[in-house]
Amino acid sequence: MDGRPEDLTAFHPASRMPVISENFNKVCRWNGQGQMPEAEFLKVKTLADQTHAQGKKLRLWAIPDQPNAWATLLQAGVDLINTDRLADLGVFLRKRMD
């Protein structure tokens, strides 16, 4: 099942709850332009670290759906990028792998 950040305190096994998902706007208000403010980056990174400590993956939805935001979220530790721009995300990820 797909969990929420508040489920991290219940320590459900990753085999039962492998993903923690949250609305991006509940974590921060950054619009994807320029550099994410450090305080907001630390909020995302902290959530990712807490999620990973339990062997789970983090997915944020309603993100600023563009390459600068994708790169920043990946840098902060977000595992699953939620997008409506699948082809563009594919190009972006392939370039990162080169």
PDB file of N, CA and C in Angstrom:
ATOM      1  N   MET A   1       0.835  -1.178   0.000  1.00  0.00           N
ATOM      2  CA  MET A   1       0.000   0.000   0.000  1.00  0.00           C
ATOM      3  C   MET A   1       0.880   1.241   0.000  1.00  0.00           C
ATOM      4  N   ASP A   2       0.329   2.296  -0.489  1.00  0.00           N
ATOM      5  CA  ASP A   2       0.983   3.591  -0.603  1.00  0.00           C
ATOM      6  C   ASP A   2       0.742   4.349   0.706  1.00  0.00           C
ATOM      7  N   GLY A   3       1.815   4.742   1.387  1.00  0.00           N
ATOM      8  CA  GLY A   3       1.672   5.425   2.658  1.00  0.00           C
ATOM      9  C   GLY A   3       1.846   6.927   2.543  1.00  0.00           C
ATOM     10  N   ARG A   4       1.629   7.591   3.638  1.00  0.00           N
ATOM     11  CA  ARG A   4       1.822   9.031   3.762  1.00  0.00           C
ATOM     12  C   ARG A   4       2.928   9.267   4.789  1.00  0.00           C
ATOM     13  N   PRO A   5       3.510  10.451   4.826  1.00  0.00           N
ATOM     14  CA  PRO A   5       4.587  10.713   5.781  1.00  0.00           C
ATOM     15  C   PRO A   5       4.230  10.376   7.230  1.00  0.00           C
ATOM     16  N   GLU A   6       3.006  10.631   7.622  1.00  0.00           N
ATOM     17  CA  GLU A   6       2.612  10.322   9.001  1.00  0.00           C
ATOM     18  C   GLU A   6       2.653   8.820   9.298  1.00  0.00           C
ATOM     19  N   ASP A   7       2.607   7.996   8.252  1.00  0.00           N
ATOM     20  CA  ASP A   7       2.708   6.543   8.438  1.00  0.00           C
ATOM     21  C   ASP A   7       4.115   6.102   8.829  1.00  0.00           C
ATOM     22  N   LEU A   8       5.106   6.967   8.642  1.00  0.00           N
ATOM     23  CA  LEU A   8       6.471   6.604   9.004  1.00  0.00           C
ATOM     24  C   LEU A   8       6.612   6.340  10.493  1.00  0.00           C
ATOM     25  N   THR A   9       5.778   6.965  11.307  1.00  0.00           N
ATOM     26  CA  THR A   9       5.866   6.751  12.749  1.00  0.00           C
ATOM     27  C   THR A   9       5.328   5.384  13.167  1.00  0.00           C
ATOM     28  N   ALA A  10       4.575   4.728  12.300  1.00  0.00           N
ATOM     29  CA  ALA A  10       4.025   3.400  12.609  1.00  0.00           C
ATOM     30  C   ALA A  10       4.991   2.278  12.228  1.00  0.00           C
ATOM     31  N   PHE A  11       6.037   2.599  11.483  1.00  0.00           N
ATOM     32  CA  PHE A  11       7.065   1.623  11.085  1.00  0.00           C
ATOM     33  C   PHE A  11       6.466   0.381  10.411  1.00  0.00           C
ATOM     34  N   HIS A  12       5.533   0.605   9.477  1.00  0.00           N
ATOM     35  CA  HIS A  12       5.020  -0.515   8.679  1.00  0.00           C
ATOM     36  C   HIS A  12       6.176  -1.098   7.886  1.00  0.00           C
ATOM     37  N   PRO A  13       6.250  -2.409   7.744  1.00  0.00           N
ATOM     38  CA  PRO A  13       7.344  -2.991   6.962  1.00  0.00           C
ATOM     39  C   PRO A  13       7.293  -2.524   5.505  1.00  0.00           C
ATOM     40  N   ALA A  14       8.475  -2.362   4.925  1.00  0.00           N
ATOM     41  CA  ALA A  14       8.556  -1.923   3.527  1.00  0.00           C
ATOM     42  C   ALA A  14       7.880  -2.918   2.602  1.00  0.00           C
ATOM     43  N   SER A  15       7.824  -4.168   2.982  1.00  0.00           N
ATOM     44  CA  SER A  15       7.145  -5.168   2.147  1.00  0.00           C
ATOM     45  C   SER A  15       5.639  -4.909   2.076  1.00  0.00           C
ATOM     46  N   ARG A  16       5.106  -4.248   3.089  1.00  0.00           N
ATOM     47  CA  ARG A  16       3.678  -3.934   3.118  1.00  0.00           C
ATOM     48  C   ARG A  16       3.395  -2.518   2.615  1.00  0.00           C
ATOM     49  N   MET A  17       4.316  -1.595   2.892  1.00  0.00           N
ATOM     50  CA  MET A  17       4.158  -0.197   2.497  1.00  0.00           C
ATOM     51  C   MET A  17       5.481   0.272   1.894  1.00  0.00           C
ATOM     52  N   PRO A  18       5.718  -0.042   0.609  1.00  0.00           N
ATOM     53  CA  PRO A  18       7.022   0.250   0.015  1.00  0.00           C
ATOM     54  C   PRO A  18       7.242   1.703  -0.412  1.00  0.00           C
ATOM     55  N   VAL A  19       6.162   2.485  -0.493  1.00  0.00           N
ATOM     56  CA  VAL A  19       6.266   3.859  -0.996  1.00  0.00           C
ATOM     57  C   VAL A  19       5.549   4.811  -0.043  1.00  0.00           C
ATOM     58  N   ILE A  20       6.199   5.923   0.213  1.00  0.00           N
ATOM     59  CA  ILE A  20       5.574   7.034   0.933  1.00  0.00           C
ATOM     60  C   ILE A  20       5.321   8.125  -0.106  1.00  0.00           C
ATOM     61  N   SER A  21       4.072   8.570  -0.199  1.00  0.00           N
ATOM     62  CA  SER A  21       3.679   9.579  -1.190  1.00  0.00           C
ATOM     63  C   SER A  21       3.090  10.787  -0.489  1.00  0.00           C
ATOM     64  N   GLU A  22       3.346  11.953  -1.080  1.00  0.00           N
ATOM     65  CA  GLU A  22       2.805  13.184  -0.507  1.00  0.00           C
ATOM     66  C   GLU A  22       2.651  14.239  -1.593  1.00  0.00           C
ATOM     67  N   ASN A  23       1.701  15.118  -1.391  1.00  0.00           N
ATOM     68  CA  ASN A  23       1.521  16.275  -2.251  1.00  0.00           C
ATOM     69  C   ASN A  23       2.709  17.204  -2.026  1.00  0.00           C
ATOM     70  N   PHE A  24       3.413  17.532  -3.079  1.00  0.00           N
ATOM     71  CA  PHE A  24       4.594  18.402  -2.997  1.00  0.00           C
ATOM     72  C   PHE A  24       4.284  19.684  -2.235  1.00  0.00           C
ATOM     73  N   ASN A  25       3.105  20.251  -2.457  1.00  0.00           N
ATOM     74  CA  ASN A  25       2.748  21.531  -1.847  1.00  0.00           C
ATOM     75  C   ASN A  25       2.540  21.452  -0.343  1.00  0.00           C
ATOM     76  N   LYS A  26       2.442  20.258   0.201  1.00  0.00           N
ATOM     77  CA  LYS A  26       2.389  20.102   1.656  1.00  0.00           C
ATOM     78  C   LYS A  26       3.794  20.108   2.253  1.00  0.00           C
ATOM     79  N   VAL A  27       4.792  19.893   1.406  1.00  0.00           N
ATOM     80  CA  VAL A  27       6.180  19.873   1.872  1.00  0.00           C
ATOM     81  C   VAL A  27       6.831  21.231   1.672  1.00  0.00           C
ATOM     82  N   CYS A  28       6.611  21.841   0.513  1.00  0.00           N
ATOM     83  CA  CYS A  28       7.187  23.166   0.240  1.00  0.00           C
ATOM     84  C   CYS A  28       6.397  23.894  -0.845  1.00  0.00           C
ATOM     85  N   ARG A  29       6.734  25.156  -1.047  1.00  0.00           N
ATOM     86  CA  ARG A  29       6.013  26.022  -1.981  1.00  0.00           C
ATOM     87  C   ARG A  29       6.833  26.444  -3.190  1.00  0.00           C
ATOM     88  N   TRP A  30       8.021  25.907  -3.362  1.00  0.00           N
ATOM     89  CA  TRP A  30       8.903  26.277  -4.460  1.00  0.00           C
ATOM     90  C   TRP A  30       8.211  26.026  -5.790  1.00  0.00           C
ATOM     91  N   ASN A  31       8.389  26.952  -6.736  1.00  0.00           N
ATOM     92  CA  ASN A  31       7.708  26.850  -8.034  1.00  0.00           C
ATOM     93  C   ASN A  31       8.540  26.170  -9.120  1.00  0.00           C
ATOM     94  N   GLY A  32       9.713  25.685  -8.771  1.00  0.00           N
ATOM     95  CA  GLY A  32      10.547  24.984  -9.748  1.00  0.00           C
ATOM     96  C   GLY A  32      11.504  25.890 -10.504  1.00  0.00           C
ATOM     97  N   GLN A  33      11.396  27.185 -10.307  1.00  0.00           N
ATOM     98  CA  GLN A  33      12.264  28.134 -10.998  1.00  0.00           C
ATOM     99  C   GLN A  33      13.472  28.461 -10.121  1.00  0.00           C
ATOM    100  N   GLY A  34      14.644  28.539 -10.741  1.00  0.00           N
ATOM    101  CA  GLY A  34      15.841  28.871  -9.984  1.00  0.00           C
ATOM    102  C   GLY A  34      16.174  27.790  -8.974  1.00  0.00           C
ATOM    103  N   GLN A  35      16.920  28.180  -7.952  1.00  0.00           N
ATOM    104  CA  GLN A  35      17.335  27.235  -6.929  1.00  0.00           C
ATOM    105  C   GLN A  35      16.256  27.131  -5.850  1.00  0.00           C
ATOM    106  N   MET A  36      16.002  25.913  -5.394  1.00  0.00           N
ATOM    107  CA  MET A  36      15.056  25.725  -4.306  1.00  0.00           C
ATOM    108  C   MET A  36      15.648  26.352  -3.035  1.00  0.00           C
ATOM    109  N   PRO A  37      14.858  27.117  -2.295  1.00  0.00           N
ATOM    110  CA  PRO A  37      15.365  27.672  -1.032  1.00  0.00           C
ATOM    111  C   PRO A  37      15.903  26.554  -0.124  1.00  0.00           C
ATOM    112  N   GLU A  38      17.009  26.836   0.542  1.00  0.00           N
ATOM    113  CA  GLU A  38      17.684  25.813   1.341  1.00  0.00           C
ATOM    114  C   GLU A  38      16.767  25.179   2.384  1.00  0.00           C
ATOM    115  N   ALA A  39      15.952  25.984   3.059  1.00  0.00           N
ATOM    116  CA  ALA A  39      15.055  25.445   4.090  1.00  0.00           C
ATOM    117  C   ALA A  39      14.067  24.448   3.492  1.00  0.00           C
ATOM    118  N   GLU A  40      13.578  24.730   2.284  1.00  0.00           N
ATOM    119  CA  GLU A  40      12.637  23.813   1.643  1.00  0.00           C
ATOM    120  C   GLU A  40      13.362  22.566   1.139  1.00  0.00           C
ATOM    121  N   PHE A  41      14.573  22.738   0.605  1.00  0.00           N
ATOM    122  CA  PHE A  41      15.364  21.592   0.176  1.00  0.00           C
ATOM    123  C   PHE A  41      15.599  20.651   1.361  1.00  0.00           C
ATOM    124  N   LEU A  42      15.909  21.217   2.525  1.00  0.00           N
ATOM    125  CA  LEU A  42      16.146  20.395   3.708  1.00  0.00           C
ATOM    126  C   LEU A  42      14.889  19.662   4.157  1.00  0.00           C
ATOM    127  N   LYS A  43      13.716  20.270   3.987  1.00  0.00           N
ATOM    128  CA  LYS A  43      12.457  19.573   4.306  1.00  0.00           C
ATOM    129  C   LYS A  43      12.288  18.341   3.425  1.00  0.00           C
ATOM    130  N   VAL A  44      12.519  18.512   2.123  1.00  0.00           N
ATOM    131  CA  VAL A  44      12.381  17.387   1.190  1.00  0.00           C
ATOM    132  C   VAL A  44      13.432  16.332   1.498  1.00  0.00           C
ATOM    133  N   LYS A  45      14.669  16.750   1.714  1.00  0.00           N
ATOM    134  CA  LYS A  45      15.757  15.817   2.000  1.00  0.00           C
ATOM    135  C   LYS A  45      15.508  15.060   3.295  1.00  0.00           C
ATOM    136  N   THR A  46      15.039  15.743   4.313  1.00  0.00           N
ATOM    137  CA  THR A  46      14.733  15.088   5.591  1.00  0.00           C
ATOM    138  C   THR A  46      13.647  14.038   5.415  1.00  0.00           C
ATOM    139  N   LEU A  47      12.602  14.374   4.669  1.00  0.00           N
ATOM    140  CA  LEU A  47      11.538  13.403   4.410  1.00  0.00           C
ATOM    141  C   LEU A  47      12.084  12.207   3.637  1.00  0.00           C
ATOM    142  N   ALA A  48      12.930  12.466   2.647  1.00  0.00           N
ATOM    143  CA  ALA A  48      13.535  11.373   1.875  1.00  0.00           C
ATOM    144  C   ALA A  48      14.407  10.502   2.780  1.00  0.00           C
ATOM    145  N   ASP A  49      15.209  11.125   3.633  1.00  0.00           N
ATOM    146  CA  ASP A  49      16.084  10.363   4.538  1.00  0.00           C
ATOM    147  C   ASP A  49      15.267   9.511   5.510  1.00  0.00           C
ATOM    148  N   GLN A  50      14.198  10.057   6.052  1.00  0.00           N
ATOM    149  CA  GLN A  50      13.332   9.303   6.964  1.00  0.00           C
ATOM    150  C   GLN A  50      12.690   8.119   6.242  1.00  0.00           C
ATOM    151  N   THR A  51      12.278   8.361   5.012  1.00  0.00           N
ATOM    152  CA  THR A  51      11.652   7.309   4.209  1.00  0.00           C
ATOM    153  C   THR A  51      12.655   6.210   3.893  1.00  0.00           C
ATOM    154  N   HIS A  52      13.839   6.595   3.477  1.00  0.00           N
ATOM    155  CA  HIS A  52      14.874   5.624   3.125  1.00  0.00           C
ATOM    156  C   HIS A  52      15.347   4.830   4.338  1.00  0.00           C
ATOM    157  N   ALA A  53      15.332   5.439   5.519  1.00  0.00           N
ATOM    158  CA  ALA A  53      15.752   4.751   6.735  1.00  0.00           C
ATOM    159  C   ALA A  53      14.876   3.527   7.015  1.00  0.00           C
ATOM    160  N   GLN A  54      13.654   3.537   6.462  1.00  0.00           N
ATOM    161  CA  GLN A  54      12.752   2.403   6.627  1.00  0.00           C
ATOM    162  C   GLN A  54      12.724   1.515   5.386  1.00  0.00           C
ATOM    163  N   GLY A  55      13.659   1.744   4.454  1.00  0.00           N
ATOM    164  CA  GLY A  55      13.733   0.917   3.258  1.00  0.00           C
ATOM    165  C   GLY A  55      12.623   1.177   2.260  1.00  0.00           C
ATOM    166  N   LYS A  56      12.076   2.381   2.296  1.00  0.00           N
ATOM    167  CA  LYS A  56      10.959   2.740   1.423  1.00  0.00           C
ATOM    168  C   LYS A  56      11.398   3.777   0.406  1.00  0.00           C
ATOM    169  N   LYS A  57      10.566   3.991  -0.599  1.00  0.00           N
ATOM    170  CA  LYS A  57      10.814   4.993  -1.632  1.00  0.00           C
ATOM    171  C   LYS A  57       9.873   6.169  -1.413  1.00  0.00           C
ATOM    172  N   LEU A  58      10.340   7.353  -1.835  1.00  0.00           N
ATOM    173  CA  LEU A  58       9.544   8.575  -1.696  1.00  0.00           C
ATOM    174  C   LEU A  58       9.061   9.050  -3.058  1.00  0.00           C
ATOM    175  N   ARG A  59       7.769   9.364  -3.112  1.00  0.00           N
ATOM    176  CA  ARG A  59       7.155   9.951  -4.309  1.00  0.00           C
ATOM    177  C   ARG A  59       6.407  11.204  -3.886  1.00  0.00           C
ATOM    178  N   LEU A  60       6.671  12.292  -4.588  1.00  0.00           N
ATOM    179  CA  LEU A  60       5.902  13.524  -4.395  1.00  0.00           C
ATOM    180  C   LEU A  60       5.087  13.775  -5.648  1.00  0.00           C
ATOM    181  N   TRP A  61       3.840  14.164  -5.483  1.00  0.00           N
ATOM    182  CA  TRP A  61       3.018  14.500  -6.640  1.00  0.00           C
ATOM    183  C   TRP A  61       2.696  15.992  -6.604  1.00  0.00           C
ATOM    184  N   ALA A  62       2.158  16.489  -7.703  1.00  0.00           N
ATOM    185  CA  ALA A  62       1.845  17.921  -7.872  1.00  0.00           C
ATOM    186  C   ALA A  62       3.124  18.756  -7.810  1.00  0.00           C
ATOM    187  N   ILE A  63       4.207  18.196  -8.350  1.00  0.00           N
ATOM    188  CA  ILE A  63       5.493  18.897  -8.360  1.00  0.00           C
ATOM    189  C   ILE A  63       5.503  19.933  -9.492  1.00  0.00           C
ATOM    190  N   PRO A  64       6.416  20.899  -9.419  1.00  0.00           N
ATOM    191  CA  PRO A  64       6.640  21.729 -10.598  1.00  0.00           C
ATOM    192  C   PRO A  64       7.187  20.791 -11.686  1.00  0.00           C
ATOM    193  N   ASP A  65       6.424  20.549 -12.702  1.00  0.00           N
ATOM    194  CA  ASP A  65       6.708  19.477 -13.669  1.00  0.00           C
ATOM    195  C   ASP A  65       7.620  19.970 -14.785  1.00  0.00           C
ATOM    196  N   GLN A  66       8.911  20.137 -14.446  1.00  0.00           N
ATOM    197  CA  GLN A  66       9.889  20.597 -15.421  1.00  0.00           C
ATOM    198  C   GLN A  66      11.287  20.146 -14.982  1.00  0.00           C
ATOM    199  N   PRO A  67      12.239  20.130 -15.906  1.00  0.00           N
ATOM    200  CA  PRO A  67      13.562  19.550 -15.638  1.00  0.00           C
ATOM    201  C   PRO A  67      14.304  20.108 -14.429  1.00  0.00           C
ATOM    202  N   ASN A  68      14.245  21.398 -14.178  1.00  0.00           N
ATOM    203  CA  ASN A  68      14.950  21.947 -13.020  1.00  0.00           C
ATOM    204  C   ASN A  68      14.405  21.343 -11.728  1.00  0.00           C
ATOM    205  N   ALA A  69      13.106  21.201 -11.647  1.00  0.00           N
ATOM    206  CA  ALA A  69      12.495  20.609 -10.454  1.00  0.00           C
ATOM    207  C   ALA A  69      12.838  19.127 -10.359  1.00  0.00           C
ATOM    208  N   TRP A  70      12.790  18.410 -11.477  1.00  0.00           N
ATOM    209  CA  TRP A  70      13.132  16.982 -11.451  1.00  0.00           C
ATOM    210  C   TRP A  70      14.546  16.795 -10.901  1.00  0.00           C
ATOM    211  N   ALA A  71      15.489  17.588 -11.399  1.00  0.00           N
ATOM    212  CA  ALA A  71      16.891  17.463 -10.963  1.00  0.00           C
ATOM    213  C   ALA A  71      17.025  17.769  -9.477  1.00  0.00           C
ATOM    214  N   THR A  72      16.353  18.804  -9.023  1.00  0.00           N
ATOM    215  CA  THR A  72      16.445  19.192  -7.617  1.00  0.00           C
ATOM    216  C   THR A  72      15.840  18.128  -6.716  1.00  0.00           C
ATOM    217  N   LEU A  73      14.699  17.590  -7.104  1.00  0.00           N
ATOM    218  CA  LEU A  73      14.049  16.566  -6.286  1.00  0.00           C
ATOM    219  C   LEU A  73      14.885  15.287  -6.239  1.00  0.00           C
ATOM    220  N   LEU A  74      15.465  14.914  -7.355  1.00  0.00           N
ATOM    221  CA  LEU A  74      16.352  13.740  -7.351  1.00  0.00           C
ATOM    222  C   LEU A  74      17.560  13.988  -6.448  1.00  0.00           C
ATOM    223  N   GLN A  75      18.109  15.187  -6.503  1.00  0.00           N
ATOM    224  CA  GLN A  75      19.256  15.535  -5.653  1.00  0.00           C
ATOM    225  C   GLN A  75      18.872  15.463  -4.171  1.00  0.00           C
ATOM    226  N   ALA A  76      17.645  15.804  -3.847  1.00  0.00           N
ATOM    227  CA  ALA A  76      17.175  15.762  -2.460  1.00  0.00           C
ATOM    228  C   ALA A  76      16.840  14.350  -1.998  1.00  0.00           C
ATOM    229  N   GLY A  77      16.788  13.400  -2.929  1.00  0.00           N
ATOM    230  CA  GLY A  77      16.539  12.016  -2.554  1.00  0.00           C
ATOM    231  C   GLY A  77      15.175  11.474  -2.914  1.00  0.00           C
ATOM    232  N   VAL A  78      14.370  12.250  -3.641  1.00  0.00           N
ATOM    233  CA  VAL A  78      13.073  11.744  -4.089  1.00  0.00           C
ATOM    234  C   VAL A  78      13.335  10.622  -5.088  1.00  0.00           C
ATOM    235  N   ASP A  79      12.662   9.496  -4.901  1.00  0.00           N
ATOM    236  CA  ASP A  79      12.921   8.315  -5.717  1.00  0.00           C
ATOM    237  C   ASP A  79      12.063   8.237  -6.972  1.00  0.00           C
ATOM    238  N   LEU A  80      10.821   8.651  -6.867  1.00  0.00           N
ATOM    239  CA  LEU A  80       9.867   8.503  -7.960  1.00  0.00           C
ATOM    240  C   LEU A  80       9.351   9.874  -8.369  1.00  0.00           C
ATOM    241  N   ILE A  81       9.612  10.241  -9.617  1.00  0.00           N
ATOM    242  CA  ILE A  81       9.168  11.535 -10.138  1.00  0.00           C
ATOM    243  C   ILE A  81       7.788  11.353 -10.759  1.00  0.00           C
ATOM    244  N   ASN A  82       6.833  12.062 -10.236  1.00  0.00           N
ATOM    245  CA  ASN A  82       5.468  12.021 -10.735  1.00  0.00           C
ATOM    246  C   ASN A  82       5.343  13.081 -11.833  1.00  0.00           C
ATOM    247  N   THR A  83       4.986  12.676 -13.044  1.00  0.00           N
ATOM    248  CA  THR A  83       4.932  13.626 -14.159  1.00  0.00           C
ATOM    249  C   THR A  83       3.829  13.270 -15.143  1.00  0.00           C
ATOM    250  N   ASP A  84       3.367  14.279 -15.850  1.00  0.00           N
ATOM    251  CA  ASP A  84       2.492  14.085 -17.012  1.00  0.00           C
ATOM    252  C   ASP A  84       3.307  14.191 -18.288  1.00  0.00           C
ATOM    253  N   ARG A  85       4.607  14.433 -18.156  1.00  0.00           N
ATOM    254  CA  ARG A  85       5.498  14.643 -19.305  1.00  0.00           C
ATOM    255  C   ARG A  85       6.475  13.468 -19.414  1.00  0.00           C
ATOM    256  N   LEU A  86       5.933  12.295 -19.635  1.00  0.00           N
ATOM    257  CA  LEU A  86       6.744  11.077 -19.620  1.00  0.00           C
ATOM    258  C   LEU A  86       7.876  11.092 -20.649  1.00  0.00           C
ATOM    259  N   ALA A  87       7.597  11.509 -21.856  1.00  0.00           N
ATOM    260  CA  ALA A  87       8.638  11.519 -22.893  1.00  0.00           C
ATOM    261  C   ALA A  87       9.765  12.480 -22.501  1.00  0.00           C
ATOM    262  N   ASP A  88       9.403  13.666 -22.005  1.00  0.00           N
ATOM    263  CA  ASP A  88      10.410  14.638 -21.586  1.00  0.00           C
ATOM    264  C   ASP A  88      11.224  14.125 -20.403  1.00  0.00           C
ATOM    265  N   LEU A  89      10.559  13.478 -19.463  1.00  0.00           N
ATOM    266  CA  LEU A  89      11.269  12.910 -18.328  1.00  0.00           C
ATOM    267  C   LEU A  89      12.217  11.808 -18.789  1.00  0.00           C
ATOM    268  N   GLY A  90      11.780  11.007 -19.753  1.00  0.00           N
ATOM    269  CA  GLY A  90      12.651   9.965 -20.298  1.00  0.00           C
ATOM    270  C   GLY A  90      13.921  10.540 -20.900  1.00  0.00           C
ATOM    271  N   VAL A  91      13.786  11.593 -21.685  1.00  0.00           N
ATOM    272  CA  VAL A  91      14.956  12.266 -22.272  1.00  0.00           C
ATOM    273  C   VAL A  91      15.856  12.808 -21.159  1.00  0.00           C
ATOM    274  N   PHE A  92      15.255  13.457 -20.188  1.00  0.00           N
ATOM    275  CA  PHE A  92      16.003  14.024 -19.061  1.00  0.00           C
ATOM    276  C   PHE A  92      16.793  12.935 -18.334  1.00  0.00           C
ATOM    277  N   LEU A  93      16.143  11.831 -18.011  1.00  0.00           N
ATOM    278  CA  LEU A  93      16.821  10.764 -17.270  1.00  0.00           C
ATOM    279  C   LEU A  93      17.920  10.087 -18.091  1.00  0.00           C
ATOM    280  N   ARG A  94      17.681   9.919 -19.380  1.00  0.00           N
ATOM    281  CA  ARG A  94      18.728   9.321 -20.234  1.00  0.00           C
ATOM    282  C   ARG A  94      19.955  10.221 -20.295  1.00  0.00           C
ATOM    283  N   LYS A  95      19.752  11.523 -20.361  1.00  0.00           N
ATOM    284  CA  LYS A  95      20.891  12.464 -20.376  1.00  0.00           C
ATOM    285  C   LYS A  95      21.675  12.382 -19.065  1.00  0.00           C
ATOM    286  N   ARG A  96      20.985  12.197 -17.955  1.00  0.00           N
ATOM    287  CA  ARG A  96      21.658  12.092 -16.639  1.00  0.00           C
ATOM    288  C   ARG A  96      22.497  10.818 -16.554  1.00  0.00           C
ATOM    289  N   MET A  97      22.099   9.802 -17.299  1.00  0.00           N
ATOM    290  CA  MET A  97      22.795   8.521 -17.240  1.00  0.00           C
ATOM    291  C   MET A  97      24.046   8.518 -18.138  1.00  0.00           C
ATOM    292  N   ASP A  98      24.105   9.435 -19.091  1.00  0.00           N
ATOM    293  CA  ASP A  98      25.255   9.491 -20.023  1.00  0.00           C
ATOM    294  C   ASP A  98      26.497  10.015 -19.357  1.00  0.00           C
TER     295      ASP A  98
END
